[in-house]
Amino acid sequence: MKASELIETIRQFHDDEICVRLGFNLYEIGKISYSFDNSDTENGNKILFFDVETVSQYKNLSDLPVADRKYWDFYYETFKERVTNKSKLPNVEDETYKEEVYRQTASLFPEFGKVCCISVAFVTKDGKTKIDSFYGENEYEILDKARNVFNKVNGLSFNLCGQNIKNSDVPFLGKRYLINGLNPPD
């Protein structure tokens, strides 16, 4: 399978279909069986596949600091109808409803979520797959280790590939790097 075919195949699947759930909002990349045509890497088609997994910064909405809670309330008013159908939760108090929306969506926003895992993979010239994951409780360390990889492959002219990285992972990472006081990758 050529790299372009693999990329198209990956685009057809949502992350949940190619990942194995390990725990609350934490995933490990499942093993995907594929092979590259050697001409892909010999012709300079260097691709770094990556995926970012996130969790909310706080377990409950009530745990948010006051300033973050005000910010969350603003976000909540702008997207609540798109993420949770209140009619499916009859007789639920507004605060309980807000808590549920927070539980379902906080990890999707860099202001309220944090990175818990970044997995990267690439295929060497001899066809071997190299996979690495950076994960844990310390987001700063995860981001720093991933930044080192991104900087290294950028210097080697790799292209990036992942599920919806342009609209999700890359902007999320950019904000989390800045929030953590780190420079984003080159």
N, C-alpha and C. Protein backbone atom coordinates (compact mmCIF):
# COMPACT_ATOMS: atom_id res chain seq x y z
N MET A 1 0.85 -1.17 0.00
CA MET A 1 0.00 0.00 0.00
C MET A 1 0.89 1.23 0.00
N LYS A 2 0.61 2.17 -0.86
CA LYS A 2 1.38 3.41 -0.91
C LYS A 2 0.94 4.33 0.22
N ALA A 3 1.82 5.26 0.59
CA ALA A 3 1.52 6.18 1.68
C ALA A 3 0.23 6.94 1.42
N SER A 4 0.02 7.39 0.19
CA SER A 4 -1.19 8.14 -0.13
C SER A 4 -2.45 7.31 0.08
N GLU A 5 -2.36 6.00 -0.21
CA GLU A 5 -3.51 5.11 0.00
C GLU A 5 -3.76 4.92 1.49
N LEU A 6 -2.68 4.80 2.27
CA LEU A 6 -2.82 4.64 3.70
C LEU A 6 -3.46 5.88 4.32
N ILE A 7 -2.99 7.04 3.90
CA ILE A 7 -3.56 8.29 4.41
C ILE A 7 -5.05 8.34 4.13
N GLU A 8 -5.46 7.99 2.94
CA GLU A 8 -6.88 8.00 2.59
C GLU A 8 -7.65 6.99 3.44
N THR A 9 -7.07 5.84 3.69
CA THR A 9 -7.72 4.83 4.54
C THR A 9 -7.89 5.35 5.96
N ILE A 10 -6.86 5.98 6.50
CA ILE A 10 -6.94 6.52 7.86
C ILE A 10 -8.01 7.60 7.94
N ARG A 11 -8.13 8.43 6.91
CA ARG A 11 -9.13 9.49 6.91
C ARG A 11 -10.55 8.95 6.98
N GLN A 12 -10.75 7.73 6.53
CA GLN A 12 -12.09 7.15 6.50
C GLN A 12 -12.55 6.66 7.87
N PHE A 13 -11.64 6.55 8.81
CA PHE A 13 -11.99 6.02 10.12
C PHE A 13 -11.88 7.10 11.19
N HIS A 14 -12.75 7.02 12.15
CA HIS A 14 -12.68 7.90 13.31
C HIS A 14 -11.72 7.28 14.31
N ASP A 15 -11.09 8.10 15.13
CA ASP A 15 -10.11 7.61 16.10
C ASP A 15 -10.64 6.44 16.94
N ASP A 16 -11.90 6.50 17.36
CA ASP A 16 -12.45 5.45 18.22
C ASP A 16 -12.41 4.09 17.55
N GLU A 17 -12.44 4.05 16.22
CA GLU A 17 -12.46 2.78 15.50
C GLU A 17 -11.07 2.18 15.34
N ILE A 18 -10.02 2.96 15.51
CA ILE A 18 -8.68 2.42 15.36
C ILE A 18 -7.87 2.47 16.64
N CYS A 19 -8.51 2.86 17.74
CA CYS A 19 -7.83 2.92 19.03
C CYS A 19 -8.49 1.97 20.01
N VAL A 20 -7.72 1.60 21.02
CA VAL A 20 -8.22 0.72 22.06
C VAL A 20 -8.34 1.54 23.35
N ARG A 21 -9.51 1.55 23.96
CA ARG A 21 -9.71 2.33 25.18
C ARG A 21 -8.96 1.70 26.34
N LEU A 22 -8.16 2.53 27.02
CA LEU A 22 -7.42 2.05 28.19
C LEU A 22 -8.08 2.51 29.48
N GLY A 23 -8.66 3.69 29.47
CA GLY A 23 -9.26 4.23 30.68
C GLY A 23 -9.99 5.51 30.35
N PHE A 24 -10.41 6.24 31.36
CA PHE A 24 -11.18 7.45 31.15
C PHE A 24 -10.44 8.42 30.25
N ASN A 25 -10.94 8.59 29.05
CA ASN A 25 -10.41 9.53 28.07
C ASN A 25 -8.93 9.31 27.72
N LEU A 26 -8.42 8.12 27.92
CA LEU A 26 -7.02 7.85 27.58
C LEU A 26 -6.98 6.69 26.60
N TYR A 27 -6.31 6.87 25.47
CA TYR A 27 -6.28 5.86 24.42
C TYR A 27 -4.84 5.46 24.12
N GLU A 28 -4.70 4.27 23.59
CA GLU A 28 -3.42 3.82 23.08
C GLU A 28 -3.66 3.47 21.62
N ILE A 29 -2.76 3.87 20.76
CA ILE A 29 -2.95 3.57 19.35
C ILE A 29 -2.92 2.07 19.15
N GLY A 30 -3.94 1.55 18.47
CA GLY A 30 -3.99 0.13 18.15
C GLY A 30 -3.02 -0.17 17.02
N LYS A 31 -2.62 -1.41 16.89
CA LYS A 31 -1.70 -1.78 15.81
C LYS A 31 -2.50 -1.90 14.52
N ILE A 32 -2.06 -1.18 13.52
CA ILE A 32 -2.72 -1.20 12.22
C ILE A 32 -1.78 -1.93 11.26
N SER A 33 -2.28 -2.93 10.62
CA SER A 33 -1.45 -3.73 9.72
C SER A 33 -1.44 -3.09 8.33
N TYR A 34 -0.27 -2.73 7.87
CA TYR A 34 -0.12 -2.16 6.54
C TYR A 34 1.32 -2.31 6.10
N SER A 35 1.55 -2.13 4.83
CA SER A 35 2.93 -2.11 4.34
C SER A 35 3.06 -1.01 3.31
N PHE A 36 4.24 -0.44 3.25
CA PHE A 36 4.51 0.61 2.30
C PHE A 36 5.25 0.06 1.10
N ASP A 37 4.96 0.63 -0.03
CA ASP A 37 5.75 0.38 -1.21
C ASP A 37 7.09 1.07 -0.95
N ASN A 38 8.20 0.39 -1.11
CA ASN A 38 9.51 0.98 -0.81
C ASN A 38 9.75 2.30 -1.53
N SER A 39 9.11 2.49 -2.68
CA SER A 39 9.33 3.74 -3.42
C SER A 39 8.80 4.93 -2.64
N ASP A 40 7.84 4.72 -1.71
CA ASP A 40 7.32 5.83 -0.92
C ASP A 40 8.42 6.48 -0.10
N THR A 41 9.20 5.69 0.62
CA THR A 41 10.25 6.26 1.45
C THR A 41 11.49 6.60 0.63
N GLU A 42 11.78 5.81 -0.39
CA GLU A 42 12.95 6.09 -1.23
C GLU A 42 12.79 7.38 -2.00
N ASN A 43 11.55 7.73 -2.36
CA ASN A 43 11.30 8.96 -3.10
C ASN A 43 11.12 10.17 -2.19
N GLY A 44 11.41 10.00 -0.93
CA GLY A 44 11.35 11.13 -0.01
C GLY A 44 9.99 11.38 0.61
N ASN A 45 9.05 10.45 0.49
CA ASN A 45 7.74 10.61 1.12
C ASN A 45 7.85 10.24 2.59
N LYS A 46 8.38 11.15 3.37
CA LYS A 46 8.56 10.92 4.80
C LYS A 46 7.33 11.44 5.53
N ILE A 47 6.67 10.55 6.27
CA ILE A 47 5.43 10.92 6.93
C ILE A 47 5.52 10.56 8.41
N LEU A 48 5.20 11.52 9.27
CA LEU A 48 5.08 11.27 10.69
C LEU A 48 3.58 11.24 11.01
N PHE A 49 3.11 10.09 11.43
CA PHE A 49 1.73 9.94 11.86
C PHE A 49 1.68 10.30 13.34
N PHE A 50 0.68 11.08 13.74
CA PHE A 50 0.58 11.38 15.17
C PHE A 50 -0.87 11.56 15.58
N ASP A 51 -1.08 11.37 16.86
CA ASP A 51 -2.41 11.53 17.43
C ASP A 51 -2.26 12.09 18.84
N VAL A 52 -3.20 12.93 19.21
CA VAL A 52 -3.19 13.57 20.53
C VAL A 52 -4.46 13.16 21.27
N GLU A 53 -4.30 12.78 22.53
CA GLU A 53 -5.45 12.46 23.38
C GLU A 53 -5.48 13.46 24.52
N THR A 54 -6.68 13.86 24.89
CA THR A 54 -6.84 14.89 25.90
C THR A 54 -7.83 14.47 26.99
N VAL A 55 -7.71 15.10 28.12
CA VAL A 55 -8.65 14.94 29.23
C VAL A 55 -8.99 16.33 29.76
N SER A 56 -10.03 16.43 30.54
CA SER A 56 -10.36 17.72 31.15
C SER A 56 -9.34 18.01 32.27
N GLN A 57 -9.10 19.29 32.50
CA GLN A 57 -8.15 19.67 33.55
C GLN A 57 -8.69 19.37 34.94
N TYR A 58 -9.99 19.45 35.08
CA TYR A 58 -10.64 19.19 36.37
C TYR A 58 -11.71 18.14 36.17
N LYS A 59 -11.87 17.29 37.16
CA LYS A 59 -12.84 16.20 37.04
C LYS A 59 -14.27 16.72 36.96
N ASN A 60 -14.58 17.73 37.75
CA ASN A 60 -15.94 18.26 37.80
C ASN A 60 -15.95 19.75 37.53
N LEU A 61 -17.07 20.22 37.05
CA LEU A 61 -17.25 21.65 36.79
C LEU A 61 -17.08 22.45 38.08
N SER A 62 -17.52 21.91 39.18
CA SER A 62 -17.42 22.61 40.47
C SER A 62 -15.97 22.79 40.93
N ASP A 63 -15.04 22.04 40.33
CA ASP A 63 -13.62 22.14 40.70
C ASP A 63 -12.90 23.29 39.99
N LEU A 64 -13.53 23.87 38.97
CA LEU A 64 -12.89 24.96 38.23
C LEU A 64 -12.69 26.17 39.12
N PRO A 65 -11.53 26.85 39.00
CA PRO A 65 -11.35 28.12 39.71
C PRO A 65 -12.39 29.13 39.21
N VAL A 66 -12.68 30.14 40.00
CA VAL A 66 -13.74 31.11 39.70
C VAL A 66 -13.56 31.74 38.32
N ALA A 67 -12.34 32.18 37.99
CA ALA A 67 -12.11 32.82 36.69
C ALA A 67 -12.38 31.85 35.54
N ASP A 68 -11.93 30.61 35.70
CA ASP A 68 -12.18 29.61 34.66
C ASP A 68 -13.65 29.28 34.56
N ARG A 69 -14.35 29.29 35.67
CA ARG A 69 -15.79 29.00 35.67
C ARG A 69 -16.55 30.06 34.88
N LYS A 70 -16.17 31.32 35.03
CA LYS A 70 -16.83 32.40 34.27
C LYS A 70 -16.57 32.20 32.78
N TYR A 71 -15.34 31.82 32.46
CA TYR A 71 -14.99 31.56 31.06
C TYR A 71 -15.78 30.37 30.53
N TRP A 72 -15.90 29.31 31.33
CA TRP A 72 -16.68 28.13 30.94
C TRP A 72 -18.14 28.50 30.69
N ASP A 73 -18.73 29.32 31.55
CA ASP A 73 -20.12 29.72 31.38
C ASP A 73 -20.32 30.42 30.04
N PHE A 74 -19.34 31.24 29.64
CA PHE A 74 -19.42 31.89 28.33
C PHE A 74 -19.39 30.85 27.21
N TYR A 75 -18.45 29.91 27.27
CA TYR A 75 -18.36 28.84 26.27
C TYR A 75 -19.65 28.04 26.23
N TYR A 76 -20.13 27.70 27.40
CA TYR A 76 -21.33 26.87 27.54
C TYR A 76 -22.51 27.47 26.78
N GLU A 77 -22.73 28.75 26.91
CA GLU A 77 -23.85 29.40 26.24
C GLU A 77 -23.71 29.34 24.72
N THR A 78 -22.48 29.29 24.22
CA THR A 78 -22.29 29.31 22.76
C THR A 78 -22.42 27.93 22.12
N PHE A 79 -22.22 26.85 22.88
CA PHE A 79 -22.24 25.54 22.22
C PHE A 79 -23.13 24.49 22.87
N LYS A 80 -23.83 24.81 23.93
CA LYS A 80 -24.59 23.80 24.68
C LYS A 80 -25.60 23.04 23.81
N GLU A 81 -26.25 23.71 22.89
CA GLU A 81 -27.26 23.06 22.06
C GLU A 81 -26.65 22.07 21.08
N ARG A 82 -25.39 22.30 20.70
CA ARG A 82 -24.75 21.42 19.73
C ARG A 82 -24.21 20.13 20.33
N VAL A 83 -23.97 20.12 21.62
CA VAL A 83 -23.32 18.95 22.21
C VAL A 83 -24.22 18.05 23.04
N THR A 84 -25.24 18.60 23.63
CA THR A 84 -26.12 17.79 24.47
C THR A 84 -27.56 18.24 24.25
N ASN A 85 -28.41 17.30 23.96
CA ASN A 85 -29.82 17.59 23.75
C ASN A 85 -30.53 17.58 25.10
N LYS A 86 -30.87 18.76 25.60
CA LYS A 86 -31.47 18.86 26.92
C LYS A 86 -32.81 18.12 27.00
N SER A 87 -33.50 17.98 25.88
CA SER A 87 -34.78 17.27 25.90
C SER A 87 -34.61 15.80 26.27
N LYS A 88 -33.38 15.26 26.12
CA LYS A 88 -33.13 13.87 26.50
C LYS A 88 -32.85 13.74 28.00
N LEU A 89 -32.75 14.87 28.67
CA LEU A 89 -32.52 14.89 30.12
C LEU A 89 -33.67 15.63 30.80
N PRO A 90 -34.89 15.07 30.75
CA PRO A 90 -36.04 15.78 31.33
C PRO A 90 -35.89 15.91 32.85
N ASN A 91 -36.43 17.01 33.35
CA ASN A 91 -36.45 17.28 34.79
C ASN A 91 -35.05 17.34 35.41
N VAL A 92 -34.08 17.78 34.64
CA VAL A 92 -32.72 17.92 35.16
C VAL A 92 -32.48 19.40 35.43
N GLU A 93 -31.93 19.67 36.60
CA GLU A 93 -31.64 21.06 36.96
C GLU A 93 -30.56 21.61 36.03
N ASP A 94 -30.59 22.92 35.85
CA ASP A 94 -29.63 23.56 34.95
C ASP A 94 -28.18 23.27 35.34
N GLU A 95 -27.87 23.28 36.63
CA GLU A 95 -26.49 23.04 37.07
C GLU A 95 -26.05 21.61 36.74
N THR A 96 -26.95 20.65 36.88
CA THR A 96 -26.64 19.26 36.54
C THR A 96 -26.41 19.14 35.04
N TYR A 97 -27.21 19.86 34.27
CA TYR A 97 -27.06 19.86 32.81
C TYR A 97 -25.70 20.46 32.43
N LYS A 98 -25.35 21.57 33.05
CA LYS A 98 -24.04 22.20 32.78
C LYS A 98 -22.91 21.24 33.13
N GLU A 99 -23.06 20.54 34.24
CA GLU A 99 -22.04 19.57 34.67
C GLU A 99 -21.86 18.48 33.61
N GLU A 100 -22.97 18.01 33.05
CA GLU A 100 -22.91 16.96 32.03
C GLU A 100 -22.25 17.47 30.75
N VAL A 101 -22.59 18.69 30.35
CA VAL A 101 -21.94 19.27 29.17
C VAL A 101 -20.45 19.43 29.41
N TYR A 102 -20.07 19.86 30.62
CA TYR A 102 -18.65 19.97 30.96
C TYR A 102 -17.97 18.60 30.86
N ARG A 103 -18.60 17.59 31.46
CA ARG A 103 -18.02 16.25 31.46
C ARG A 103 -17.80 15.74 30.04
N GLN A 104 -18.74 16.04 29.14
CA GLN A 104 -18.66 15.54 27.77
C GLN A 104 -17.71 16.34 26.87
N THR A 105 -17.48 17.61 27.18
CA THR A 105 -16.79 18.46 26.20
C THR A 105 -15.54 19.18 26.68
N ALA A 106 -15.29 19.26 27.97
CA ALA A 106 -14.16 20.08 28.46
C ALA A 106 -12.83 19.66 27.85
N SER A 107 -12.65 18.36 27.62
CA SER A 107 -11.37 17.90 27.08
C SER A 107 -11.15 18.32 25.63
N LEU A 108 -12.19 18.81 24.98
CA LEU A 108 -12.07 19.22 23.58
C LEU A 108 -11.57 20.66 23.41
N PHE A 109 -11.55 21.40 24.50
CA PHE A 109 -11.14 22.80 24.46
C PHE A 109 -9.81 22.96 25.18
N PRO A 110 -8.81 23.57 24.52
CA PRO A 110 -7.50 23.71 25.17
C PRO A 110 -7.55 24.57 26.43
N GLU A 111 -8.55 25.43 26.55
CA GLU A 111 -8.69 26.25 27.74
C GLU A 111 -9.13 25.43 28.96
N PHE A 112 -9.80 24.30 28.73
CA PHE A 112 -10.34 23.50 29.82
C PHE A 112 -9.80 22.06 29.83
N GLY A 113 -9.11 21.67 28.77
CA GLY A 113 -8.55 20.34 28.68
C GLY A 113 -7.04 20.38 28.78
N LYS A 114 -6.44 19.20 28.77
CA LYS A 114 -4.97 19.13 28.74
C LYS A 114 -4.59 17.85 27.99
N VAL A 115 -3.37 17.82 27.51
CA VAL A 115 -2.86 16.68 26.77
C VAL A 115 -2.45 15.60 27.76
N CYS A 116 -2.93 14.37 27.51
CA CYS A 116 -2.52 13.25 28.38
C CYS A 116 -1.68 12.24 27.60
N CYS A 117 -1.71 12.31 26.26
CA CYS A 117 -0.92 11.36 25.47
C CYS A 117 -0.72 11.91 24.06
N ILE A 118 0.49 11.78 23.56
CA ILE A 118 0.80 12.06 22.16
C ILE A 118 1.54 10.84 21.64
N SER A 119 1.00 10.24 20.60
CA SER A 119 1.64 9.07 19.98
C SER A 119 2.11 9.46 18.58
N VAL A 120 3.29 8.99 18.24
CA VAL A 120 3.87 9.27 16.92
C VAL A 120 4.35 7.95 16.30
N ALA A 121 4.34 7.91 14.97
CA ALA A 121 4.81 6.72 14.26
C ALA A 121 5.32 7.13 12.88
N PHE A 122 6.31 6.40 12.40
CA PHE A 122 6.79 6.59 11.03
C PHE A 122 7.37 5.28 10.53
N VAL A 123 7.54 5.21 9.23
CA VAL A 123 8.10 4.02 8.60
C VAL A 123 9.49 4.35 8.11
N THR A 124 10.47 3.50 8.48
CA THR A 124 11.86 3.72 8.07
C THR A 124 12.05 3.30 6.61
N LYS A 125 13.20 3.63 6.06
CA LYS A 125 13.49 3.27 4.67
C LYS A 125 13.47 1.77 4.45
N ASP A 126 13.80 1.01 5.47
CA ASP A 126 13.80 -0.45 5.31
C ASP A 126 12.43 -1.06 5.64
N GLY A 127 11.40 -0.21 5.80
CA GLY A 127 10.04 -0.70 5.97
C GLY A 127 9.63 -1.01 7.40
N LYS A 128 10.49 -0.72 8.37
CA LYS A 128 10.12 -0.97 9.77
C LYS A 128 9.32 0.21 10.31
N THR A 129 8.35 -0.10 11.15
CA THR A 129 7.53 0.94 11.76
C THR A 129 8.08 1.27 13.14
N LYS A 130 8.29 2.55 13.39
CA LYS A 130 8.75 3.04 14.69
C LYS A 130 7.58 3.79 15.33
N ILE A 131 7.24 3.39 16.55
CA ILE A 131 6.12 4.00 17.27
C ILE A 131 6.60 4.43 18.65
N ASP A 132 6.16 5.60 19.08
CA ASP A 132 6.48 6.05 20.42
C ASP A 132 5.28 6.82 20.97
N SER A 133 5.09 6.76 22.26
CA SER A 133 4.01 7.50 22.92
C SER A 133 4.57 8.22 24.13
N PHE A 134 4.10 9.44 24.31
CA PHE A 134 4.47 10.24 25.47
C PHE A 134 3.18 10.44 26.25
N TYR A 135 3.15 9.99 27.49
CA TYR A 135 1.92 10.06 28.26
C TYR A 135 2.23 10.19 29.74
N GLY A 136 1.23 10.58 30.50
CA GLY A 136 1.39 10.70 31.94
C GLY A 136 0.57 11.85 32.49
N GLU A 137 0.86 12.17 33.73
CA GLU A 137 0.14 13.24 34.43
C GLU A 137 0.76 14.61 34.14
N ASN A 138 2.05 14.65 33.80
CA ASN A 138 2.76 15.92 33.62
C ASN A 138 2.67 16.37 32.16
N GLU A 139 1.73 17.26 31.88
CA GLU A 139 1.52 17.72 30.51
C GLU A 139 2.75 18.43 29.96
N TYR A 140 3.44 19.20 30.77
CA TYR A 140 4.63 19.92 30.34
C TYR A 140 5.65 18.94 29.75
N GLU A 141 5.91 17.84 30.45
CA GLU A 141 6.88 16.84 29.97
C GLU A 141 6.41 16.19 28.67
N ILE A 142 5.13 15.88 28.58
CA ILE A 142 4.58 15.27 27.36
C ILE A 142 4.80 16.21 26.18
N LEU A 143 4.44 17.48 26.36
CA LEU A 143 4.59 18.47 25.28
C LEU A 143 6.05 18.67 24.90
N ASP A 144 6.93 18.71 25.90
CA ASP A 144 8.35 18.93 25.64
C ASP A 144 8.95 17.77 24.84
N LYS A 145 8.63 16.54 25.23
CA LYS A 145 9.15 15.37 24.51
C LYS A 145 8.61 15.33 23.08
N ALA A 146 7.33 15.62 22.92
CA ALA A 146 6.76 15.62 21.57
C ALA A 146 7.35 16.73 20.72
N ARG A 147 7.61 17.89 21.33
CA ARG A 147 8.20 19.01 20.59
C ARG A 147 9.57 18.61 20.05
N ASN A 148 10.35 17.88 20.83
CA ASN A 148 11.65 17.42 20.36
C ASN A 148 11.51 16.54 19.13
N VAL A 149 10.52 15.66 19.12
CA VAL A 149 10.28 14.80 17.95
C VAL A 149 9.84 15.64 16.75
N PHE A 150 8.88 16.54 16.97
CA PHE A 150 8.40 17.38 15.87
C PHE A 150 9.52 18.22 15.28
N ASN A 151 10.38 18.78 16.11
CA ASN A 151 11.50 19.58 15.62
C ASN A 151 12.47 18.73 14.83
N LYS A 152 12.73 17.52 15.31
CA LYS A 152 13.67 16.63 14.61
C LYS A 152 13.14 16.25 13.23
N VAL A 153 11.89 15.84 13.15
CA VAL A 153 11.35 15.41 11.85
C VAL A 153 11.14 16.60 10.92
N ASN A 154 10.92 17.79 11.48
CA ASN A 154 10.81 18.97 10.63
C ASN A 154 12.13 19.22 9.91
N GLY A 155 13.24 19.03 10.64
CA GLY A 155 14.56 19.19 10.03
C GLY A 155 14.87 18.14 8.98
N LEU A 156 14.14 17.03 9.02
CA LEU A 156 14.33 15.95 8.05
C LEU A 156 13.26 15.98 6.94
N SER A 157 12.50 17.05 6.89
CA SER A 157 11.47 17.27 5.86
C SER A 157 10.35 16.23 5.88
N PHE A 158 9.91 15.82 7.06
CA PHE A 158 8.77 14.92 7.17
C PHE A 158 7.49 15.72 6.99
N ASN A 159 6.46 15.06 6.49
CA ASN A 159 5.11 15.60 6.46
C ASN A 159 4.35 15.02 7.63
N LEU A 160 3.37 15.76 8.15
CA LEU A 160 2.56 15.28 9.27
C LEU A 160 1.26 14.68 8.76
N CYS A 161 0.80 13.65 9.42
CA CYS A 161 -0.44 12.99 9.03
C CYS A 161 -1.19 12.54 10.27
N GLY A 162 -2.49 12.74 10.28
CA GLY A 162 -3.32 12.27 11.39
C GLY A 162 -4.77 12.59 11.12
N GLN A 163 -5.64 12.02 11.93
CA GLN A 163 -7.08 12.22 11.79
C GLN A 163 -7.44 13.63 12.25
N ASN A 164 -7.87 14.48 11.33
CA ASN A 164 -8.35 15.83 11.61
C ASN A 164 -7.34 16.70 12.37
N ILE A 165 -6.05 16.51 12.10
CA ILE A 165 -5.03 17.25 12.84
C ILE A 165 -5.07 18.75 12.55
N LYS A 166 -5.45 19.12 11.35
CA LYS A 166 -5.47 20.54 10.97
C LYS A 166 -6.50 21.32 11.78
N ASN A 167 -7.64 20.72 12.04
CA ASN A 167 -8.72 21.41 12.74
C ASN A 167 -8.78 21.11 14.23
N SER A 168 -8.03 20.12 14.68
CA SER A 168 -8.14 19.72 16.08
C SER A 168 -6.78 19.66 16.78
N ASP A 169 -5.99 18.65 16.46
CA ASP A 169 -4.75 18.39 17.20
C ASP A 169 -3.75 19.55 17.14
N VAL A 170 -3.50 20.08 15.96
CA VAL A 170 -2.48 21.13 15.82
C VAL A 170 -2.90 22.41 16.56
N PRO A 171 -4.13 22.91 16.38
CA PRO A 171 -4.51 24.11 17.15
C PRO A 171 -4.54 23.85 18.67
N PHE A 172 -5.00 22.67 19.07
CA PHE A 172 -5.04 22.33 20.50
C PHE A 172 -3.62 22.34 21.06
N LEU A 173 -2.70 21.67 20.36
CA LEU A 173 -1.31 21.64 20.82
C LEU A 173 -0.71 23.04 20.89
N GLY A 174 -0.96 23.84 19.87
CA GLY A 174 -0.41 25.20 19.85
C GLY A 174 -0.81 25.98 21.08
N LYS A 175 -2.09 25.93 21.43
CA LYS A 175 -2.55 26.66 22.62
C LYS A 175 -1.97 26.06 23.90
N ARG A 176 -1.91 24.73 23.97
CA ARG A 176 -1.39 24.11 25.19
C ARG A 176 0.10 24.41 25.37
N TYR A 177 0.86 24.49 24.25
CA TYR A 177 2.27 24.88 24.37
C TYR A 177 2.37 26.28 24.97
N LEU A 178 1.58 27.21 24.48
CA LEU A 178 1.63 28.58 24.99
C LEU A 178 1.15 28.66 26.44
N ILE A 179 0.08 27.96 26.77
CA ILE A 179 -0.44 27.95 28.15
C ILE A 179 0.61 27.41 29.11
N ASN A 180 1.40 26.43 28.67
CA ASN A 180 2.43 25.83 29.51
C ASN A 180 3.76 26.58 29.47
N GLY A 181 3.81 27.71 28.74
CA GLY A 181 5.02 28.51 28.69
C GLY A 181 6.12 27.90 27.82
N LEU A 182 5.73 27.04 26.91
CA LEU A 182 6.68 26.43 25.98
C LEU A 182 6.53 27.03 24.59
N ASN A 183 7.63 27.13 23.89
CA ASN A 183 7.54 27.52 22.49
C ASN A 183 6.99 26.34 21.69
N PRO A 184 6.08 26.60 20.76
CA PRO A 184 5.59 25.50 19.91
C PRO A 184 6.74 24.95 19.07
N PRO A 185 6.58 23.75 18.52
CA PRO A 185 7.62 23.20 17.64
C PRO A 185 7.89 24.13 16.46
N ASP A 186 9.11 24.02 15.90
CA ASP A 186 9.48 24.85 14.73
C ASP A 186 8.60 24.56 13.54
